[in-house]
Amino acid sequence: MEVRLTAVFKKVPEGYIGLVEELPGANTRGNTLEEARESLFEAVRLVLQANGSPSEESLKGREVIREPLLVCAA
């Protein structure tokens, strides 16, 4: 499965800060842009993992329907 998200980086005196527009809680900083990118990738992975685990546990053993969801924002 491929998910496209938008990473935003801002230069600050300490280096760079980064965040993902579509994923609250996924933000980071780095001394260089490359450090900020790598750190943001890891932050996204951790946020998705943390958010997915509780829902998986609550659905365990239950019959569910999974389907793609496309959301278009204006």
PDB file of N, CA and C in Angstrom:
ATOM      1  N   MET A   1       0.848  -1.178   0.000  1.00  0.00           N
ATOM      2  CA  MET A   1       0.000   0.000   0.000  1.00  0.00           C
ATOM      3  C   MET A   1       0.891   1.238   0.000  1.00  0.00           C
ATOM      4  N   GLU A   2       0.540   2.184  -0.827  1.00  0.00           N
ATOM      5  CA  GLU A   2       1.287   3.431  -0.910  1.00  0.00           C
ATOM      6  C   GLU A   2       0.401   4.575  -0.441  1.00  0.00           C
ATOM      7  N   VAL A   3       0.939   5.386   0.440  1.00  0.00           N
ATOM      8  CA  VAL A   3       0.240   6.562   0.943  1.00  0.00           C
ATOM      9  C   VAL A   3       1.111   7.765   0.634  1.00  0.00           C
ATOM     10  N   ARG A   4       0.524   8.778   0.037  1.00  0.00           N
ATOM     11  CA  ARG A   4       1.278   9.999  -0.267  1.00  0.00           C
ATOM     12  C   ARG A   4       0.938  11.074   0.767  1.00  0.00           C
ATOM     13  N   LEU A   5       1.974  11.561   1.414  1.00  0.00           N
ATOM     14  CA  LEU A   5       1.829  12.612   2.413  1.00  0.00           C
ATOM     15  C   LEU A   5       2.694  13.789   1.998  1.00  0.00           C
ATOM     16  N   THR A   6       2.462  14.935   2.616  1.00  0.00           N
ATOM     17  CA  THR A   6       3.206  16.134   2.275  1.00  0.00           C
ATOM     18  C   THR A   6       4.123  16.526   3.427  1.00  0.00           C
ATOM     19  N   ALA A   7       5.422  16.441   3.175  1.00  0.00           N
ATOM     20  CA  ALA A   7       6.412  16.883   4.160  1.00  0.00           C
ATOM     21  C   ALA A   7       6.698  18.361   3.926  1.00  0.00           C
ATOM     22  N   VAL A   8       6.757  19.120   5.017  1.00  0.00           N
ATOM     23  CA  VAL A   8       7.051  20.549   4.953  1.00  0.00           C
ATOM     24  C   VAL A   8       8.267  20.803   5.840  1.00  0.00           C
ATOM     25  N   PHE A   9       9.278  21.472   5.291  1.00  0.00           N
ATOM     26  CA  PHE A   9      10.487  21.785   6.040  1.00  0.00           C
ATOM     27  C   PHE A   9      10.683  23.292   6.080  1.00  0.00           C
ATOM     28  N   LYS A  10      11.118  23.775   7.237  1.00  0.00           N
ATOM     29  CA  LYS A  10      11.351  25.206   7.409  1.00  0.00           C
ATOM     30  C   LYS A  10      12.741  25.402   8.000  1.00  0.00           C
ATOM     31  N   LYS A  11      13.499  26.293   7.395  1.00  0.00           N
ATOM     32  CA  LYS A  11      14.827  26.627   7.906  1.00  0.00           C
ATOM     33  C   LYS A  11      14.672  27.525   9.130  1.00  0.00           C
ATOM     34  N   VAL A  12      15.336  27.150  10.202  1.00  0.00           N
ATOM     35  CA  VAL A  12      15.359  27.937  11.437  1.00  0.00           C
ATOM     36  C   VAL A  12      16.819  28.100  11.861  1.00  0.00           C
ATOM     37  N   PRO A  13      17.110  29.012  12.781  1.00  0.00           N
ATOM     38  CA  PRO A  13      18.515  29.215  13.175  1.00  0.00           C
ATOM     39  C   PRO A  13      19.216  27.927  13.658  1.00  0.00           C
ATOM     40  N   GLU A  14      18.472  27.003  14.251  1.00  0.00           N
ATOM     41  CA  GLU A  14      19.052  25.771  14.788  1.00  0.00           C
ATOM     42  C   GLU A  14      19.187  24.680  13.734  1.00  0.00           C
ATOM     43  N   GLY A  15      18.676  24.889  12.527  1.00  0.00           N
ATOM     44  CA  GLY A  15      18.710  23.865  11.483  1.00  0.00           C
ATOM     45  C   GLY A  15      17.413  23.863  10.689  1.00  0.00           C
ATOM     46  N   TYR A  16      16.695  22.735  10.746  1.00  0.00           N
ATOM     47  CA  TYR A  16      15.421  22.608  10.033  1.00  0.00           C
ATOM     48  C   TYR A  16      14.393  21.935  10.916  1.00  0.00           C
ATOM     49  N   ILE A  17      13.155  22.372  10.782  1.00  0.00           N
ATOM     50  CA  ILE A  17      12.038  21.662  11.400  1.00  0.00           C
ATOM     51  C   ILE A  17      11.215  21.069  10.264  1.00  0.00           C
ATOM     52  N   GLY A  18      10.605  19.949  10.538  1.00  0.00           N
ATOM     53  CA  GLY A  18       9.795  19.299   9.523  1.00  0.00           C
ATOM     54  C   GLY A  18       8.499  18.789  10.126  1.00  0.00           C
ATOM     55  N   LEU A  19       7.470  18.768   9.302  1.00  0.00           N
ATOM     56  CA  LEU A  19       6.177  18.251   9.731  1.00  0.00           C
ATOM     57  C   LEU A  19       5.466  17.645   8.533  1.00  0.00           C
ATOM     58  N   VAL A  20       4.452  16.872   8.808  1.00  0.00           N
ATOM     59  CA  VAL A  20       3.632  16.285   7.755  1.00  0.00           C
ATOM     60  C   VAL A  20       2.251  16.914   7.862  1.00  0.00           C
ATOM     61  N   GLU A  21       1.822  17.581   6.809  1.00  0.00           N
ATOM     62  CA  GLU A  21       0.548  18.310   6.833  1.00  0.00           C
ATOM     63  C   GLU A  21      -0.627  17.411   7.191  1.00  0.00           C
ATOM     64  N   GLU A  22      -0.657  16.213   6.663  1.00  0.00           N
ATOM     65  CA  GLU A  22      -1.819  15.338   6.824  1.00  0.00           C
ATOM     66  C   GLU A  22      -1.767  14.460   8.069  1.00  0.00           C
ATOM     67  N   LEU A  23      -0.714  14.562   8.856  1.00  0.00           N
ATOM     68  CA  LEU A  23      -0.546  13.646   9.978  1.00  0.00           C
ATOM     69  C   LEU A  23      -0.133  14.392  11.243  1.00  0.00           C
ATOM     70  N   PRO A  24      -1.097  14.880  12.009  1.00  0.00           N
ATOM     71  CA  PRO A  24      -0.768  15.577  13.254  1.00  0.00           C
ATOM     72  C   PRO A  24       0.100  14.703  14.158  1.00  0.00           C
ATOM     73  N   GLY A  25       1.081  15.297  14.764  1.00  0.00           N
ATOM     74  CA  GLY A  25       1.961  14.559  15.661  1.00  0.00           C
ATOM     75  C   GLY A  25       3.243  14.101  14.994  1.00  0.00           C
ATOM     76  N   ALA A  26       3.292  14.149  13.672  1.00  0.00           N
ATOM     77  CA  ALA A  26       4.509  13.767  12.959  1.00  0.00           C
ATOM     78  C   ALA A  26       5.294  15.038  12.652  1.00  0.00           C
ATOM     79  N   ASN A  27       6.221  15.359  13.530  1.00  0.00           N
ATOM     80  CA  ASN A  27       7.062  16.532  13.320  1.00  0.00           C
ATOM     81  C   ASN A  27       8.419  16.265  13.949  1.00  0.00           C
ATOM     82  N   THR A  28       9.416  17.011  13.508  1.00  0.00           N
ATOM     83  CA  THR A  28      10.769  16.750  13.967  1.00  0.00           C
ATOM     84  C   THR A  28      11.676  17.938  13.673  1.00  0.00           C
ATOM     85  N   ARG A  29      12.949  17.776  13.993  1.00  0.00           N
ATOM     86  CA  ARG A  29      13.948  18.788  13.667  1.00  0.00           C
ATOM     87  C   ARG A  29      15.260  18.080  13.361  1.00  0.00           C
ATOM     88  N   GLY A  30      16.142  18.798  12.691  1.00  0.00           N
ATOM     89  CA  GLY A  30      17.468  18.274  12.383  1.00  0.00           C
ATOM     90  C   GLY A  30      18.433  19.411  12.155  1.00  0.00           C
ATOM     91  N   ASN A  31      19.696  19.127  12.361  1.00  0.00           N
ATOM     92  CA  ASN A  31      20.716  20.147  12.119  1.00  0.00           C
ATOM     93  C   ASN A  31      20.845  20.456  10.634  1.00  0.00           C
ATOM     94  N   THR A  32      20.585  19.441   9.803  1.00  0.00           N
ATOM     95  CA  THR A  32      20.625  19.612   8.352  1.00  0.00           C
ATOM     96  C   THR A  32      19.276  19.187   7.778  1.00  0.00           C
ATOM     97  N   LEU A  33      19.043  19.552   6.534  1.00  0.00           N
ATOM     98  CA  LEU A  33      17.800  19.143   5.878  1.00  0.00           C
ATOM     99  C   LEU A  33      17.730  17.624   5.791  1.00  0.00           C
ATOM    100  N   GLU A  34      18.842  16.977   5.480  1.00  0.00           N
ATOM    101  CA  GLU A  34      18.865  15.514   5.391  1.00  0.00           C
ATOM    102  C   GLU A  34      18.534  14.867   6.734  1.00  0.00           C
ATOM    103  N   GLU A  35      19.078  15.390   7.825  1.00  0.00           N
ATOM    104  CA  GLU A  35      18.755  14.879   9.164  1.00  0.00           C
ATOM    105  C   GLU A  35      17.269  15.037   9.452  1.00  0.00           C
ATOM    106  N   ALA A  36      16.718  16.190   9.116  1.00  0.00           N
ATOM    107  CA  ALA A  36      15.296  16.435   9.349  1.00  0.00           C
ATOM    108  C   ALA A  36      14.443  15.470   8.527  1.00  0.00           C
ATOM    109  N   ARG A  37      14.826  15.206   7.277  1.00  0.00           N
ATOM    110  CA  ARG A  37      14.090  14.255   6.432  1.00  0.00           C
ATOM    111  C   ARG A  37      14.096  12.858   7.043  1.00  0.00           C
ATOM    112  N   GLU A  38      15.274  12.396   7.427  1.00  0.00           N
ATOM    113  CA  GLU A  38      15.398  11.054   8.007  1.00  0.00           C
ATOM    114  C   GLU A  38      14.596  10.936   9.294  1.00  0.00           C
ATOM    115  N   SER A  39      14.686  11.954  10.122  1.00  0.00           N
ATOM    116  CA  SER A  39      13.970  11.950  11.393  1.00  0.00           C
ATOM    117  C   SER A  39      12.457  11.993  11.174  1.00  0.00           C
ATOM    118  N   LEU A  40      12.022  12.761  10.168  1.00  0.00           N
ATOM    119  CA  LEU A  40      10.589  12.851   9.888  1.00  0.00           C
ATOM    120  C   LEU A  40      10.057  11.518   9.374  1.00  0.00           C
ATOM    121  N   PHE A  41      10.821  10.848   8.544  1.00  0.00           N
ATOM    122  CA  PHE A  41      10.419   9.532   8.058  1.00  0.00           C
ATOM    123  C   PHE A  41      10.183   8.584   9.234  1.00  0.00           C
ATOM    124  N   GLU A  42      11.101   8.585  10.198  1.00  0.00           N
ATOM    125  CA  GLU A  42      10.965   7.739  11.382  1.00  0.00           C
ATOM    126  C   GLU A  42       9.764   8.168  12.228  1.00  0.00           C
ATOM    127  N   ALA A  43       9.546   9.474  12.362  1.00  0.00           N
ATOM    128  CA  ALA A  43       8.400   9.970  13.132  1.00  0.00           C
ATOM    129  C   ALA A  43       7.086   9.508  12.509  1.00  0.00           C
ATOM    130  N   VAL A  44       6.992   9.558  11.191  1.00  0.00           N
ATOM    131  CA  VAL A  44       5.773   9.101  10.497  1.00  0.00           C
ATOM    132  C   VAL A  44       5.565   7.623  10.761  1.00  0.00           C
ATOM    133  N   ARG A  45       6.620   6.838  10.650  1.00  0.00           N
ATOM    134  CA  ARG A  45       6.519   5.395  10.898  1.00  0.00           C
ATOM    135  C   ARG A  45       6.011   5.123  12.312  1.00  0.00           C
ATOM    136  N   LEU A  46       6.555   5.836  13.289  1.00  0.00           N
ATOM    137  CA  LEU A  46       6.146   5.632  14.678  1.00  0.00           C
ATOM    138  C   LEU A  46       4.705   6.071  14.940  1.00  0.00           C
ATOM    139  N   VAL A  47       4.309   7.203  14.377  1.00  0.00           N
ATOM    140  CA  VAL A  47       2.928   7.677  14.556  1.00  0.00           C
ATOM    141  C   VAL A  47       1.944   6.678  13.941  1.00  0.00           C
ATOM    142  N   LEU A  48       2.233   6.215  12.729  1.00  0.00           N
ATOM    143  CA  LEU A  48       1.337   5.255  12.082  1.00  0.00           C
ATOM    144  C   LEU A  48       1.290   3.945  12.851  1.00  0.00           C
ATOM    145  N   GLN A  49       2.421   3.505  13.346  1.00  0.00           N
ATOM    146  CA  GLN A  49       2.469   2.275  14.127  1.00  0.00           C
ATOM    147  C   GLN A  49       1.674   2.425  15.428  1.00  0.00           C
ATOM    148  N   ALA A  50       1.854   3.547  16.125  1.00  0.00           N
ATOM    149  CA  ALA A  50       1.150   3.784  17.390  1.00  0.00           C
ATOM    150  C   ALA A  50      -0.355   3.910  17.175  1.00  0.00           C
ATOM    151  N   ASN A  51      -0.758   4.579  16.099  1.00  0.00           N
ATOM    152  CA  ASN A  51      -2.190   4.756  15.838  1.00  0.00           C
ATOM    153  C   ASN A  51      -2.836   3.490  15.329  1.00  0.00           C
ATOM    154  N   GLY A  52      -2.089   2.642  14.647  1.00  0.00           N
ATOM    155  CA  GLY A  52      -2.656   1.421  14.086  1.00  0.00           C
ATOM    156  C   GLY A  52      -2.822   0.311  15.105  1.00  0.00           C
ATOM    157  N   SER A  53      -1.922   0.213  16.067  1.00  0.00           N
ATOM    158  CA  SER A  53      -1.949  -0.879  17.032  1.00  0.00           C
ATOM    159  C   SER A  53      -3.232  -0.940  17.860  1.00  0.00           C
ATOM    160  N   PRO A  54      -3.702   0.171  18.436  1.00  0.00           N
ATOM    161  CA  PRO A  54      -4.935   0.090  19.225  1.00  0.00           C
ATOM    162  C   PRO A  54      -6.137  -0.362  18.399  1.00  0.00           C
ATOM    163  N   SER A  55      -6.259   0.129  17.165  1.00  0.00           N
ATOM    164  CA  SER A  55      -7.412  -0.261  16.355  1.00  0.00           C
ATOM    165  C   SER A  55      -7.323  -1.726  15.965  1.00  0.00           C
ATOM    166  N   GLU A  56      -6.132  -2.228  15.662  1.00  0.00           N
ATOM    167  CA  GLU A  56      -5.967  -3.638  15.324  1.00  0.00           C
ATOM    168  C   GLU A  56      -6.368  -4.522  16.497  1.00  0.00           C
ATOM    169  N   GLU A  57      -5.979  -4.128  17.696  1.00  0.00           N
ATOM    170  CA  GLU A  57      -6.333  -4.915  18.881  1.00  0.00           C
ATOM    171  C   GLU A  57      -7.844  -4.949  19.101  1.00  0.00           C
ATOM    172  N   SER A  58      -8.514  -3.816  18.902  1.00  0.00           N
ATOM    173  CA  SER A  58      -9.961  -3.766  19.139  1.00  0.00           C
ATOM    174  C   SER A  58     -10.739  -4.538  18.083  1.00  0.00           C
ATOM    175  N   LEU A  59     -10.139  -4.782  16.921  1.00  0.00           N
ATOM    176  CA  LEU A  59     -10.813  -5.509  15.845  1.00  0.00           C
ATOM    177  C   LEU A  59     -10.449  -6.983  15.814  1.00  0.00           C
ATOM    178  N   LYS A  60      -9.505  -7.397  16.611  1.00  0.00           N
ATOM    179  CA  LYS A  60      -9.014  -8.769  16.602  1.00  0.00           C
ATOM    180  C   LYS A  60     -10.159  -9.763  16.829  1.00  0.00           C
ATOM    181  N   GLY A  61     -10.262 -10.712  15.920  1.00  0.00           N
ATOM    182  CA  GLY A  61     -11.279 -11.756  16.053  1.00  0.00           C
ATOM    183  C   GLY A  61     -12.666 -11.352  15.588  1.00  0.00           C
ATOM    184  N   ARG A  62     -12.829 -10.151  15.094  1.00  0.00           N
ATOM    185  CA  ARG A  62     -14.139  -9.673  14.633  1.00  0.00           C
ATOM    186  C   ARG A  62     -14.186  -9.660  13.113  1.00  0.00           C
ATOM    187  N   GLU A  63     -15.377  -9.854  12.590  1.00  0.00           N
ATOM    188  CA  GLU A  63     -15.563  -9.765  11.149  1.00  0.00           C
ATOM    189  C   GLU A  63     -15.676  -8.295  10.776  1.00  0.00           C
ATOM    190  N   VAL A  64     -14.801  -7.839   9.901  1.00  0.00           N
ATOM    191  CA  VAL A  64     -14.789  -6.436   9.510  1.00  0.00           C
ATOM    192  C   VAL A  64     -14.710  -6.329   7.993  1.00  0.00           C
ATOM    193  N   ILE A  65     -15.061  -5.180   7.497  1.00  0.00           N
ATOM    194  CA  ILE A  65     -14.938  -4.869   6.072  1.00  0.00           C
ATOM    195  C   ILE A  65     -13.876  -3.793   5.947  1.00  0.00           C
ATOM    196  N   ARG A  66     -12.873  -4.048   5.117  1.00  0.00           N
ATOM    197  CA  ARG A  66     -11.831  -3.052   4.857  1.00  0.00           C
ATOM    198  C   ARG A  66     -11.931  -2.647   3.400  1.00  0.00           C
ATOM    199  N   GLU A  67     -11.864  -1.350   3.158  1.00  0.00           N
ATOM    200  CA  GLU A  67     -11.916  -0.848   1.788  1.00  0.00           C
ATOM    201  C   GLU A  67     -11.141   0.447   1.690  1.00  0.00           C
ATOM    202  N   PRO A  68     -10.651   0.792   0.504  1.00  0.00           N
ATOM    203  CA  PRO A  68      -9.941   2.052   0.327  1.00  0.00           C
ATOM    204  C   PRO A  68     -10.851   3.242   0.597  1.00  0.00           C
ATOM    205  N   LEU A  69     -10.270   4.296   1.108  1.00  0.00           N
ATOM    206  CA  LEU A  69     -11.009   5.520   1.383  1.00  0.00           C
ATOM    207  C   LEU A  69     -10.262   6.668   0.740  1.00  0.00           C
ATOM    208  N   LEU A  70     -10.876   7.323  -0.220  1.00  0.00           N
ATOM    209  CA  LEU A  70     -10.272   8.455  -0.902  1.00  0.00           C
ATOM    210  C   LEU A  70     -10.935   9.729  -0.413  1.00  0.00           C
ATOM    211  N   VAL A  71     -10.137  10.633   0.100  1.00  0.00           N
ATOM    212  CA  VAL A  71     -10.650  11.907   0.603  1.00  0.00           C
ATOM    213  C   VAL A  71     -10.004  13.011  -0.191  1.00  0.00           C
ATOM    214  N   CYS A  72     -10.795  13.873  -0.767  1.00  0.00           N
ATOM    215  CA  CYS A  72     -10.296  15.014  -1.533  1.00  0.00           C
ATOM    216  C   CYS A  72     -10.678  16.290  -0.797  1.00  0.00           C
ATOM    217  N   ALA A  73      -9.676  17.059  -0.452  1.00  0.00           N
ATOM    218  CA  ALA A  73      -9.937  18.325   0.226  1.00  0.00           C
ATOM    219  C   ALA A  73      -9.923  19.450  -0.784  1.00  0.00           C
ATOM    220  N   ALA A  74     -10.802  20.400  -0.580  1.00  0.00           N
ATOM    221  CA  ALA A  74     -10.886  21.530  -1.501  1.00  0.00           C
ATOM    222  C   ALA A  74      -9.815  22.542  -1.232  1.00  0.00           C
TER     223      ALA A  74
END
